[in-house]
N, C-alpha and C. Protein backbone atom coordinates (compact mmCIF):
# COMPACT_ATOMS: atom_id res chain seq x y z
N MET A 1 98.63 90.82 109.72
CA MET A 1 99.36 91.46 108.62
C MET A 1 100.61 90.66 108.31
N ILE A 2 100.77 90.28 107.04
CA ILE A 2 101.95 89.52 106.60
C ILE A 2 103.03 90.52 106.19
N ARG A 3 104.18 90.44 106.85
CA ARG A 3 105.29 91.35 106.56
C ARG A 3 106.22 90.70 105.53
N VAL A 4 106.49 91.43 104.45
CA VAL A 4 107.26 90.89 103.34
C VAL A 4 108.53 91.72 103.12
N LEU A 5 109.62 91.04 102.82
CA LEU A 5 110.85 91.68 102.38
C LEU A 5 111.11 91.26 100.95
N VAL A 6 111.25 92.24 100.04
CA VAL A 6 111.56 91.96 98.65
C VAL A 6 113.04 92.23 98.41
N VAL A 7 113.73 91.24 97.86
CA VAL A 7 115.18 91.36 97.62
C VAL A 7 115.46 91.15 96.15
N ASP A 8 115.93 92.18 95.48
CA ASP A 8 116.23 92.10 94.05
C ASP A 8 117.22 93.20 93.71
N ASP A 9 118.10 92.95 92.74
CA ASP A 9 119.09 93.96 92.38
C ASP A 9 118.50 95.07 91.54
N GLU A 10 117.32 94.83 90.92
CA GLU A 10 116.71 95.84 90.06
C GLU A 10 115.66 96.63 90.83
N ALA A 11 115.85 97.94 90.91
CA ALA A 11 114.92 98.80 91.64
C ALA A 11 113.51 98.73 91.06
N LEU A 12 113.40 98.58 89.74
CA LEU A 12 112.09 98.53 89.09
C LEU A 12 111.32 97.29 89.55
N ILE A 13 112.01 96.16 89.67
CA ILE A 13 111.37 94.93 90.14
C ILE A 13 110.92 95.11 91.58
N ARG A 14 111.78 95.69 92.41
CA ARG A 14 111.43 95.90 93.82
C ARG A 14 110.19 96.77 93.94
N LYS A 15 110.16 97.87 93.20
CA LYS A 15 109.04 98.79 93.27
C LYS A 15 107.76 98.13 92.76
N GLY A 16 107.89 97.33 91.70
CA GLY A 16 106.72 96.67 91.14
C GLY A 16 106.09 95.70 92.13
N PHE A 17 106.91 94.86 92.75
CA PHE A 17 106.40 93.91 93.73
C PHE A 17 105.81 94.65 94.93
N GLN A 18 106.47 95.71 95.35
CA GLN A 18 105.98 96.47 96.50
C GLN A 18 104.62 97.10 96.20
N HIS A 19 104.48 97.65 95.01
CA HIS A 19 103.22 98.29 94.63
C HIS A 19 102.07 97.27 94.61
N ILE A 20 102.33 96.10 94.05
CA ILE A 20 101.29 95.08 93.96
C ILE A 20 100.89 94.57 95.34
N LEU A 21 101.88 94.25 96.17
CA LEU A 21 101.59 93.63 97.46
C LEU A 21 101.02 94.62 98.46
N ASP A 22 101.46 95.85 98.41
CA ASP A 22 100.93 96.84 99.36
C ASP A 22 99.45 97.13 99.12
N ALA A 23 98.96 96.77 97.93
CA ALA A 23 97.54 96.99 97.64
C ALA A 23 96.65 95.98 98.35
N ALA A 24 97.24 94.88 98.83
CA ALA A 24 96.47 93.88 99.57
C ALA A 24 96.31 94.33 101.02
N GLN A 25 95.13 94.16 101.57
CA GLN A 25 94.84 94.66 102.91
C GLN A 25 95.62 93.93 104.00
N ASP A 26 96.00 92.68 103.73
CA ASP A 26 96.64 91.88 104.77
C ASP A 26 98.13 91.68 104.55
N ILE A 27 98.72 92.42 103.60
CA ILE A 27 100.15 92.28 103.29
C ILE A 27 100.82 93.64 103.32
N GLU A 28 102.00 93.67 103.93
CA GLU A 28 102.79 94.90 104.00
C GLU A 28 104.22 94.60 103.57
N VAL A 29 104.72 95.33 102.58
CA VAL A 29 106.12 95.21 102.20
C VAL A 29 106.92 96.09 103.17
N ALA A 30 107.55 95.45 104.13
CA ALA A 30 108.26 96.18 105.17
C ALA A 30 109.55 96.80 104.64
N ALA A 31 110.12 96.20 103.60
CA ALA A 31 111.34 96.74 103.00
C ALA A 31 111.55 96.08 101.65
N ALA A 32 112.26 96.79 100.76
CA ALA A 32 112.63 96.27 99.45
C ALA A 32 114.06 96.70 99.19
N VAL A 33 114.99 95.75 99.14
CA VAL A 33 116.42 96.08 99.14
C VAL A 33 117.18 95.20 98.16
N PRO A 34 118.41 95.64 97.78
CA PRO A 34 119.28 94.76 96.99
C PRO A 34 119.87 93.65 97.87
N GLY A 35 120.49 92.68 97.23
CA GLY A 35 120.96 91.51 97.95
C GLY A 35 121.96 91.77 99.05
N SER A 36 122.82 92.75 98.87
CA SER A 36 123.86 93.01 99.86
C SER A 36 123.30 93.45 101.21
N GLN A 37 122.07 93.97 101.21
CA GLN A 37 121.47 94.46 102.46
C GLN A 37 120.46 93.48 103.05
N ALA A 38 120.20 92.39 102.37
CA ALA A 38 119.06 91.53 102.70
C ALA A 38 119.12 90.95 104.10
N VAL A 39 120.22 90.31 104.45
CA VAL A 39 120.29 89.61 105.74
C VAL A 39 120.21 90.59 106.90
N GLN A 40 120.94 91.70 106.80
CA GLN A 40 120.91 92.69 107.87
C GLN A 40 119.51 93.27 108.05
N VAL A 41 118.86 93.62 106.93
CA VAL A 41 117.52 94.19 107.01
C VAL A 41 116.54 93.16 107.57
N ALA A 42 116.66 91.92 107.14
CA ALA A 42 115.77 90.87 107.64
C ALA A 42 115.92 90.69 109.14
N GLN A 43 117.14 90.80 109.62
CA GLN A 43 117.38 90.68 111.07
C GLN A 43 116.71 91.83 111.82
N GLU A 44 116.68 93.00 111.19
CA GLU A 44 116.11 94.18 111.85
C GLU A 44 114.59 94.20 111.83
N ILE A 45 113.99 93.79 110.71
CA ILE A 45 112.54 93.95 110.57
C ILE A 45 111.75 92.66 110.79
N CYS A 46 112.44 91.51 110.83
CA CYS A 46 111.79 90.21 111.08
C CYS A 46 110.60 89.97 110.15
N PRO A 47 110.82 89.87 108.84
CA PRO A 47 109.71 89.63 107.92
C PRO A 47 109.17 88.21 108.06
N ASP A 48 107.93 88.04 107.67
CA ASP A 48 107.34 86.69 107.64
C ASP A 48 107.76 85.97 106.36
N VAL A 49 107.82 86.72 105.28
CA VAL A 49 108.11 86.15 103.96
C VAL A 49 109.17 87.00 103.27
N VAL A 50 110.12 86.34 102.62
CA VAL A 50 111.12 87.03 101.80
C VAL A 50 111.00 86.53 100.37
N LEU A 51 110.88 87.45 99.43
CA LEU A 51 110.92 87.14 98.01
C LEU A 51 112.31 87.50 97.52
N LEU A 52 113.11 86.50 97.17
CA LEU A 52 114.55 86.67 96.97
C LEU A 52 114.96 86.33 95.55
N ASP A 53 115.54 87.29 94.85
CA ASP A 53 116.08 87.06 93.51
C ASP A 53 117.20 86.03 93.60
N ILE A 54 117.14 85.03 92.73
CA ILE A 54 118.15 83.97 92.80
C ILE A 54 119.45 84.37 92.11
N ARG A 55 119.38 85.37 91.22
CA ARG A 55 120.59 85.82 90.50
C ARG A 55 120.75 87.33 90.66
N MET A 56 121.78 87.73 91.37
CA MET A 56 122.05 89.15 91.58
C MET A 56 123.54 89.40 91.39
N PRO A 57 123.92 90.56 90.85
CA PRO A 57 125.33 90.82 90.58
C PRO A 57 126.16 91.10 91.84
N ASP A 58 125.51 91.65 92.88
CA ASP A 58 126.28 92.03 94.06
C ASP A 58 126.51 90.86 95.02
N VAL A 59 125.55 89.94 95.09
CA VAL A 59 125.70 88.78 95.96
C VAL A 59 124.79 87.67 95.43
N ASP A 60 125.27 86.45 95.51
CA ASP A 60 124.51 85.31 95.01
C ASP A 60 123.27 85.06 95.86
N GLY A 61 122.16 84.76 95.20
CA GLY A 61 120.92 84.52 95.93
C GLY A 61 121.01 83.35 96.90
N LEU A 62 121.75 82.32 96.54
CA LEU A 62 121.90 81.16 97.42
C LEU A 62 122.68 81.54 98.68
N THR A 63 123.63 82.45 98.54
CA THR A 63 124.38 82.93 99.70
C THR A 63 123.47 83.70 100.65
N VAL A 64 122.61 84.54 100.07
CA VAL A 64 121.65 85.28 100.89
C VAL A 64 120.69 84.31 101.58
N LEU A 65 120.22 83.30 100.86
CA LEU A 65 119.32 82.31 101.44
C LEU A 65 119.97 81.64 102.65
N ALA A 66 121.23 81.27 102.51
CA ALA A 66 121.93 80.63 103.63
C ALA A 66 122.00 81.57 104.83
N GLY A 67 122.26 82.86 104.58
CA GLY A 67 122.31 83.82 105.67
C GLY A 67 120.96 83.99 106.35
N LEU A 68 119.89 84.01 105.56
CA LEU A 68 118.54 84.14 106.12
C LEU A 68 118.18 82.92 106.96
N ARG A 69 118.61 81.75 106.52
CA ARG A 69 118.30 80.52 107.25
C ARG A 69 119.02 80.45 108.59
N ARG A 70 120.11 81.20 108.72
CA ARG A 70 120.88 81.19 109.98
C ARG A 70 120.33 82.17 111.00
N LEU A 71 119.38 83.00 110.63
CA LEU A 71 118.83 83.96 111.59
C LEU A 71 118.10 83.23 112.71
N SER A 72 118.01 83.87 113.85
CA SER A 72 117.35 83.23 115.00
C SER A 72 115.88 82.95 114.71
N HIS A 73 115.25 83.82 113.90
CA HIS A 73 113.86 83.59 113.49
C HIS A 73 113.82 83.66 111.96
N PRO A 74 114.24 82.60 111.30
CA PRO A 74 114.33 82.63 109.83
C PRO A 74 112.97 82.81 109.16
N PRO A 75 112.89 83.69 108.19
CA PRO A 75 111.62 83.89 107.46
C PRO A 75 111.41 82.78 106.44
N VAL A 76 110.20 82.71 105.92
CA VAL A 76 109.92 81.84 104.78
C VAL A 76 110.47 82.54 103.53
N VAL A 77 111.20 81.79 102.72
CA VAL A 77 111.85 82.39 101.55
C VAL A 77 111.39 81.71 100.27
N ALA A 78 110.99 82.51 99.30
CA ALA A 78 110.70 82.01 97.95
C ALA A 78 111.65 82.71 96.99
N MET A 79 112.21 81.95 96.06
CA MET A 79 113.17 82.49 95.12
C MET A 79 112.45 83.09 93.91
N LEU A 80 112.95 84.22 93.43
CA LEU A 80 112.44 84.87 92.22
C LEU A 80 113.34 84.49 91.05
N VAL A 81 112.74 83.97 89.99
CA VAL A 81 113.52 83.56 88.82
C VAL A 81 112.89 84.14 87.57
N THR A 82 113.66 84.14 86.49
CA THR A 82 113.16 84.63 85.20
C THR A 82 112.57 83.46 84.42
N ILE A 83 112.12 83.73 83.21
CA ILE A 83 111.48 82.72 82.38
C ILE A 83 112.40 81.51 82.23
N GLY A 84 111.83 80.33 82.39
CA GLY A 84 112.61 79.11 82.29
C GLY A 84 113.09 78.66 83.65
N MET A 85 113.59 77.47 83.74
CA MET A 85 114.01 76.88 85.01
C MET A 85 115.46 77.20 85.27
N ASP A 86 115.73 77.98 86.29
CA ASP A 86 117.10 78.29 86.67
C ASP A 86 117.75 77.04 87.26
N GLU A 87 119.01 76.80 86.87
CA GLU A 87 119.67 75.57 87.32
C GLU A 87 119.92 75.54 88.82
N HIS A 88 119.82 76.70 89.48
CA HIS A 88 120.07 76.75 90.92
C HIS A 88 118.81 76.57 91.75
N VAL A 89 117.64 76.47 91.12
CA VAL A 89 116.39 76.38 91.87
C VAL A 89 116.34 75.12 92.72
N ALA A 90 116.74 73.98 92.15
CA ALA A 90 116.71 72.73 92.92
C ALA A 90 117.59 72.84 94.16
N THR A 91 118.76 73.45 94.01
CA THR A 91 119.65 73.64 95.15
C THR A 91 119.00 74.53 96.19
N ALA A 92 118.33 75.58 95.74
CA ALA A 92 117.67 76.50 96.68
C ALA A 92 116.58 75.79 97.46
N LEU A 93 115.78 74.97 96.78
CA LEU A 93 114.71 74.25 97.47
C LEU A 93 115.27 73.28 98.49
N ARG A 94 116.35 72.59 98.13
CA ARG A 94 116.97 71.67 99.07
C ARG A 94 117.62 72.41 100.24
N SER A 95 117.94 73.68 100.02
CA SER A 95 118.60 74.48 101.07
C SER A 95 117.61 75.20 101.97
N GLY A 96 116.32 74.96 101.77
CA GLY A 96 115.34 75.52 102.68
C GLY A 96 114.38 76.53 102.10
N ALA A 97 114.52 76.86 100.80
CA ALA A 97 113.55 77.76 100.18
C ALA A 97 112.20 77.07 100.10
N ALA A 98 111.14 77.86 100.21
CA ALA A 98 109.78 77.31 100.22
C ALA A 98 109.15 77.33 98.84
N GLY A 99 109.96 77.49 97.80
CA GLY A 99 109.43 77.48 96.46
C GLY A 99 110.05 78.56 95.60
N PHE A 100 109.45 78.79 94.44
CA PHE A 100 109.96 79.84 93.57
C PHE A 100 108.83 80.46 92.78
N LEU A 101 109.03 81.71 92.41
CA LEU A 101 108.08 82.47 91.60
C LEU A 101 108.80 83.00 90.37
N LEU A 102 108.15 82.94 89.24
CA LEU A 102 108.69 83.62 88.07
C LEU A 102 108.42 85.12 88.21
N LYS A 103 109.33 85.92 87.72
CA LYS A 103 109.17 87.36 87.86
C LYS A 103 108.00 87.90 87.03
N ASP A 104 107.52 87.10 86.09
CA ASP A 104 106.37 87.53 85.31
C ASP A 104 105.07 86.93 85.83
N THR A 105 105.07 86.52 87.11
CA THR A 105 103.85 86.00 87.73
C THR A 105 102.71 87.00 87.58
N ASP A 106 101.52 86.50 87.31
CA ASP A 106 100.33 87.35 87.19
C ASP A 106 100.19 88.19 88.46
N PRO A 107 100.16 89.52 88.34
CA PRO A 107 100.04 90.37 89.54
C PRO A 107 98.85 90.04 90.42
N GLU A 108 97.76 89.57 89.82
CA GLU A 108 96.57 89.24 90.60
C GLU A 108 96.80 88.00 91.46
N GLN A 109 97.74 87.16 91.07
CA GLN A 109 98.01 85.93 91.81
C GLN A 109 99.04 86.12 92.90
N LEU A 110 99.85 87.17 92.81
CA LEU A 110 100.95 87.36 93.74
C LEU A 110 100.53 87.38 95.21
N PRO A 111 99.48 88.12 95.58
CA PRO A 111 99.06 88.09 96.99
C PRO A 111 98.68 86.69 97.47
N PHE A 112 98.00 85.90 96.61
CA PHE A 112 97.64 84.54 96.98
C PHE A 112 98.89 83.72 97.29
N LEU A 113 99.92 83.90 96.48
CA LEU A 113 101.15 83.13 96.66
C LEU A 113 101.85 83.51 97.96
N VAL A 114 101.86 84.80 98.27
CA VAL A 114 102.47 85.24 99.53
C VAL A 114 101.70 84.68 100.71
N ARG A 115 100.37 84.67 100.62
CA ARG A 115 99.57 84.08 101.70
C ARG A 115 99.86 82.60 101.86
N THR A 116 100.06 81.90 100.74
CA THR A 116 100.41 80.49 100.79
C THR A 116 101.72 80.29 101.53
N LEU A 117 102.71 81.10 101.21
CA LEU A 117 104.01 81.01 101.88
C LEU A 117 103.88 81.28 103.37
N ALA A 118 103.14 82.33 103.71
CA ALA A 118 102.99 82.70 105.12
C ALA A 118 102.25 81.61 105.90
N ALA A 119 101.39 80.86 105.20
CA ALA A 119 100.63 79.80 105.85
C ALA A 119 101.43 78.51 106.00
N GLY A 120 102.66 78.50 105.47
CA GLY A 120 103.49 77.32 105.62
C GLY A 120 103.52 76.41 104.42
N GLY A 121 102.98 76.88 103.30
CA GLY A 121 102.94 76.04 102.11
C GLY A 121 104.12 76.29 101.18
N THR A 122 104.26 75.40 100.23
CA THR A 122 105.26 75.53 99.19
C THR A 122 104.63 76.18 97.97
N VAL A 123 105.34 77.09 97.34
CA VAL A 123 104.85 77.76 96.13
C VAL A 123 105.73 77.36 94.96
N LEU A 124 105.11 76.76 93.96
CA LEU A 124 105.78 76.47 92.70
C LEU A 124 104.99 77.19 91.63
N SER A 125 105.62 78.07 90.89
CA SER A 125 104.92 78.83 89.87
C SER A 125 104.13 77.91 88.96
N SER A 126 103.02 78.40 88.43
CA SER A 126 102.19 77.59 87.55
C SER A 126 102.95 77.17 86.29
N LYS A 127 104.10 77.80 86.01
CA LYS A 127 104.94 77.40 84.88
C LYS A 127 106.08 76.49 85.34
N VAL A 128 105.91 75.88 86.53
CA VAL A 128 106.95 75.03 87.08
C VAL A 128 107.30 73.90 86.12
N THR A 129 108.58 73.55 86.06
CA THR A 129 109.01 72.43 85.25
C THR A 129 109.12 71.19 86.11
N ARG A 130 109.32 70.06 85.48
CA ARG A 130 109.44 68.81 86.21
C ARG A 130 110.59 68.84 87.21
N THR A 131 111.66 69.56 86.92
CA THR A 131 112.79 69.64 87.83
C THR A 131 112.37 70.17 89.19
N GLY A 132 111.48 71.14 89.20
CA GLY A 132 111.04 71.72 90.45
C GLY A 132 110.31 70.75 91.33
N VAL A 133 109.56 69.83 90.74
CA VAL A 133 108.82 68.85 91.52
C VAL A 133 109.73 67.74 91.99
N ASP A 134 110.71 67.37 91.18
CA ASP A 134 111.57 66.24 91.52
C ASP A 134 112.39 66.46 92.78
N VAL A 135 112.59 67.71 93.22
CA VAL A 135 113.40 67.92 94.43
C VAL A 135 112.64 67.56 95.69
N CYS A 136 111.34 67.32 95.60
CA CYS A 136 110.57 66.93 96.77
C CYS A 136 111.03 65.57 97.25
N PRO A 137 111.49 65.44 98.51
CA PRO A 137 112.02 64.17 98.99
C PRO A 137 110.96 63.09 99.12
N ASN A 138 109.68 63.45 99.20
CA ASN A 138 108.63 62.47 99.40
C ASN A 138 107.90 62.10 98.13
N ALA A 139 108.25 62.73 97.01
CA ALA A 139 107.53 62.47 95.77
C ALA A 139 108.51 62.29 94.63
N GLY A 140 108.55 61.09 94.07
CA GLY A 140 109.41 60.82 92.94
C GLY A 140 108.88 61.47 91.69
N PRO A 141 109.68 61.41 90.61
CA PRO A 141 109.29 62.10 89.38
C PRO A 141 108.00 61.57 88.77
N GLN A 142 107.59 60.33 89.11
CA GLN A 142 106.36 59.77 88.55
C GLN A 142 105.22 59.75 89.57
N GLU A 143 105.42 60.41 90.74
CA GLU A 143 104.41 60.41 91.78
C GLU A 143 103.14 61.11 91.29
N PRO A 144 101.97 60.41 91.30
CA PRO A 144 100.73 61.04 90.80
C PRO A 144 100.39 62.33 91.52
N ALA A 145 100.60 62.39 92.84
CA ALA A 145 100.28 63.61 93.58
C ALA A 145 101.13 64.78 93.09
N ALA A 146 102.38 64.52 92.75
CA ALA A 146 103.25 65.58 92.26
C ALA A 146 102.76 66.09 90.91
N ARG A 147 102.30 65.18 90.06
CA ARG A 147 101.77 65.61 88.76
C ARG A 147 100.49 66.42 88.93
N SER A 148 99.66 66.01 89.88
CA SER A 148 98.43 66.76 90.15
C SER A 148 98.76 68.15 90.69
N LEU A 149 99.78 68.22 91.53
CA LEU A 149 100.19 69.50 92.10
C LEU A 149 100.54 70.50 91.02
N VAL A 150 101.25 70.05 90.00
CA VAL A 150 101.64 70.94 88.91
C VAL A 150 100.42 71.47 88.16
N ARG A 151 99.37 70.64 88.08
CA ARG A 151 98.20 71.05 87.31
C ARG A 151 97.28 72.01 88.06
N LEU A 152 97.45 72.14 89.37
CA LEU A 152 96.64 73.09 90.12
C LEU A 152 97.04 74.51 89.76
N THR A 153 96.09 75.44 89.83
CA THR A 153 96.42 76.84 89.65
C THR A 153 97.06 77.38 90.93
N ASP A 154 97.66 78.55 90.83
CA ASP A 154 98.28 79.16 92.01
C ASP A 154 97.25 79.36 93.12
N ARG A 155 96.06 79.80 92.75
CA ARG A 155 95.04 80.05 93.78
C ARG A 155 94.57 78.74 94.41
N GLU A 156 94.43 77.70 93.60
CA GLU A 156 94.02 76.41 94.15
C GLU A 156 95.06 75.87 95.13
N ARG A 157 96.34 76.11 94.85
CA ARG A 157 97.38 75.69 95.81
C ARG A 157 97.22 76.45 97.12
N ALA A 158 96.95 77.74 97.02
CA ALA A 158 96.77 78.54 98.23
C ALA A 158 95.57 78.06 99.03
N VAL A 159 94.47 77.73 98.35
CA VAL A 159 93.29 77.21 99.02
C VAL A 159 93.62 75.88 99.69
N LEU A 160 94.39 75.04 99.02
CA LEU A 160 94.74 73.73 99.56
C LEU A 160 95.56 73.85 100.85
N VAL A 161 96.47 74.82 100.88
CA VAL A 161 97.24 75.05 102.10
C VAL A 161 96.33 75.39 103.26
N LEU A 162 95.33 76.22 103.02
CA LEU A 162 94.42 76.63 104.09
C LEU A 162 93.48 75.50 104.47
N ILE A 163 93.14 74.63 103.53
CA ILE A 163 92.40 73.42 103.88
C ILE A 163 93.23 72.59 104.86
N GLY A 164 94.53 72.52 104.60
CA GLY A 164 95.42 71.78 105.48
C GLY A 164 95.48 72.36 106.88
N GLU A 165 95.21 73.65 107.00
CA GLU A 165 95.17 74.28 108.33
C GLU A 165 93.86 74.02 109.04
N GLY A 166 92.90 73.40 108.34
CA GLY A 166 91.61 73.11 108.95
C GLY A 166 90.58 74.20 108.79
N LEU A 167 90.82 75.17 107.91
CA LEU A 167 89.88 76.28 107.73
C LEU A 167 88.67 75.83 106.92
N SER A 168 87.53 76.38 107.24
CA SER A 168 86.31 76.14 106.50
C SER A 168 86.32 76.98 105.22
N ASN A 169 85.37 76.70 104.33
CA ASN A 169 85.28 77.48 103.10
C ASN A 169 85.09 78.97 103.39
N SER A 170 84.24 79.27 104.36
CA SER A 170 84.00 80.68 104.67
C SER A 170 85.24 81.34 105.26
N ASP A 171 85.98 80.60 106.09
CA ASP A 171 87.22 81.14 106.66
C ASP A 171 88.26 81.38 105.56
N ILE A 172 88.35 80.43 104.63
CA ILE A 172 89.29 80.58 103.52
C ILE A 172 88.90 81.79 102.67
N ALA A 173 87.62 81.95 102.43
CA ALA A 173 87.15 83.09 101.64
C ALA A 173 87.55 84.41 102.30
N THR A 174 87.41 84.47 103.63
CA THR A 174 87.79 85.68 104.35
C THR A 174 89.29 85.91 104.28
N ARG A 175 90.07 84.85 104.49
CA ARG A 175 91.52 84.98 104.49
C ARG A 175 92.05 85.41 103.12
N MET A 176 91.45 84.89 102.07
CA MET A 176 91.97 85.15 100.74
C MET A 176 91.21 86.24 99.98
N HIS A 177 90.24 86.85 100.66
CA HIS A 177 89.46 87.93 100.03
C HIS A 177 88.76 87.43 98.77
N LEU A 178 88.10 86.26 98.89
CA LEU A 178 87.36 85.67 97.80
C LEU A 178 85.91 85.46 98.23
N SER A 179 85.04 85.18 97.28
CA SER A 179 83.68 84.81 97.63
C SER A 179 83.66 83.34 98.05
N THR A 180 82.69 82.98 98.88
CA THR A 180 82.58 81.59 99.32
C THR A 180 82.33 80.66 98.14
N SER A 181 81.56 81.11 97.17
CA SER A 181 81.28 80.28 96.00
C SER A 181 82.55 80.00 95.20
N THR A 182 83.44 80.99 95.12
CA THR A 182 84.71 80.78 94.42
C THR A 182 85.55 79.74 95.14
N VAL A 183 85.58 79.82 96.46
CA VAL A 183 86.34 78.85 97.24
C VAL A 183 85.76 77.45 97.06
N LYS A 184 84.42 77.35 97.07
CA LYS A 184 83.78 76.05 96.86
C LYS A 184 84.18 75.46 95.52
N ASP A 185 84.22 76.29 94.49
CA ASP A 185 84.62 75.82 93.17
C ASP A 185 86.07 75.33 93.18
N ASP A 186 86.94 76.06 93.88
CA ASP A 186 88.35 75.67 93.97
C ASP A 186 88.50 74.36 94.73
N VAL A 187 87.76 74.22 95.83
CA VAL A 187 87.83 72.98 96.62
C VAL A 187 87.38 71.80 95.77
N SER A 188 86.30 71.98 95.02
CA SER A 188 85.80 70.92 94.15
C SER A 188 86.84 70.54 93.10
N ALA A 189 87.49 71.55 92.53
CA ALA A 189 88.53 71.28 91.53
C ALA A 189 89.70 70.53 92.13
N ILE A 190 90.07 70.88 93.37
CA ILE A 190 91.19 70.22 94.07
C ILE A 190 90.86 68.75 94.31
N LEU A 191 89.67 68.48 94.84
CA LEU A 191 89.27 67.10 95.12
C LEU A 191 89.23 66.27 93.84
N THR A 192 88.76 66.89 92.78
CA THR A 192 88.70 66.18 91.50
C THR A 192 90.10 65.89 90.97
N GLU A 193 90.98 66.87 91.07
CA GLU A 193 92.34 66.69 90.55
C GLU A 193 93.10 65.61 91.32
N PHE A 194 92.95 65.60 92.64
CA PHE A 194 93.65 64.61 93.46
C PHE A 194 92.89 63.28 93.54
N LYS A 195 91.68 63.25 92.98
CA LYS A 195 90.86 62.03 92.97
C LYS A 195 90.62 61.51 94.39
N VAL A 196 90.19 62.43 95.27
CA VAL A 196 89.87 62.07 96.65
C VAL A 196 88.47 62.56 96.97
N ASP A 197 87.91 62.02 98.06
CA ASP A 197 86.53 62.32 98.41
C ASP A 197 86.38 63.43 99.44
N GLY A 198 87.44 63.73 100.19
CA GLY A 198 87.28 64.69 101.26
C GLY A 198 88.49 65.58 101.46
N ARG A 199 88.32 66.59 102.31
CA ARG A 199 89.34 67.59 102.55
C ARG A 199 90.56 67.01 103.25
N VAL A 200 90.34 66.09 104.20
CA VAL A 200 91.46 65.50 104.93
C VAL A 200 92.35 64.72 103.98
N GLN A 201 91.74 63.95 103.09
CA GLN A 201 92.51 63.19 102.12
C GLN A 201 93.30 64.11 101.19
N ALA A 202 92.67 65.21 100.81
CA ALA A 202 93.36 66.16 99.94
C ALA A 202 94.58 66.74 100.63
N SER A 203 94.45 67.06 101.93
CA SER A 203 95.57 67.61 102.69
C SER A 203 96.72 66.61 102.79
N ARG A 204 96.37 65.35 103.03
CA ARG A 204 97.41 64.31 103.14
C ARG A 204 98.11 64.10 101.81
N THR A 205 97.35 64.14 100.75
CA THR A 205 97.94 63.99 99.43
C THR A 205 98.88 65.15 99.13
N ALA A 206 98.45 66.35 99.49
CA ALA A 206 99.28 67.53 99.25
C ALA A 206 100.56 67.49 100.08
N GLU A 207 100.45 67.00 101.31
CA GLU A 207 101.65 66.89 102.15
C GLU A 207 102.64 65.92 101.52
N GLY A 208 102.13 64.81 100.96
CA GLY A 208 103.01 63.85 100.30
C GLY A 208 103.69 64.43 99.08
N ALA A 209 103.03 65.38 98.43
CA ALA A 209 103.60 66.03 97.25
C ALA A 209 104.42 67.25 97.61
N CYS A 210 104.61 67.51 98.89
CA CYS A 210 105.44 68.60 99.39
C CYS A 210 104.83 69.98 99.20
N LEU A 211 103.51 70.06 99.03
CA LEU A 211 102.87 71.38 99.05
C LEU A 211 102.76 71.87 100.48
N LEU A 212 102.43 70.97 101.40
CA LEU A 212 102.35 71.32 102.81
C LEU A 212 103.62 70.83 103.48
N LYS A 213 104.45 71.74 103.95
CA LYS A 213 105.78 71.38 104.43
C LYS A 213 105.84 71.42 105.95
N GLN A 214 105.14 70.52 106.62
CA GLN A 214 105.16 70.46 108.07
C GLN A 214 106.57 70.33 108.66
N PRO A 215 107.51 69.59 108.00
CA PRO A 215 108.83 69.43 108.60
C PRO A 215 109.60 70.72 108.78
N ARG A 216 109.18 71.84 108.09
CA ARG A 216 109.96 73.07 108.19
C ARG A 216 110.01 73.59 109.63
N ASP A 217 108.91 73.44 110.38
CA ASP A 217 108.91 73.91 111.76
C ASP A 217 109.94 73.18 112.59
N GLN A 218 110.15 71.90 112.30
CA GLN A 218 111.12 71.13 113.05
C GLN A 218 112.53 71.59 112.72
N GLU A 219 112.75 71.99 111.44
CA GLU A 219 114.07 72.47 111.06
C GLU A 219 114.46 73.70 111.84
N GLY A 220 113.47 74.56 112.11
CA GLY A 220 113.78 75.79 112.82
C GLY A 220 113.98 75.59 114.28
N GLY A 221 113.74 74.34 114.79
CA GLY A 221 113.94 74.05 116.20
C GLY A 221 112.80 74.55 117.01
């Protein structure tokens, strides 16, 4: 069970995310709170994933992110932003956030994105701008893998993360609550997009584009 903490100043947003995620069999929203309570609640409930609003009136999202990163067991954090590229997103990613989601993300895709985060992957909304990719230290603005990453769908990114974990198509289907045929189609699309012949090559390409963030474990000590 993936434990999630939703942090947003708007109660309607918190309730909406909680309603969508609680419907997934493998995800539990352990708490949904405004920014001022985020770090304390995270310390108490030890969530796996935090969805954190980057702009809140009571406390800055970047300040909350810094507090979460200082916890003894820091959760994976993805920033919530509104339409368009927030100027603070690049700073958040460099400060340890595992990606960002637009608040108008397709509800059907949200569980896939949370699973991607919990699996150690980076989430960049399908409406990601070039700025979001450029913060990757291993991929320059013209890096082909980075351009391919942007063209993948949210679900294909989630499948790619699980390929990187060494899961088979059937295992991925079980983890993501998909049919095996759907996973096969996604794997085929991934290999075609990255122009590689096999799963190992696809994983290495994704790591170079910062979809698979192995260094994060080292940061946590």
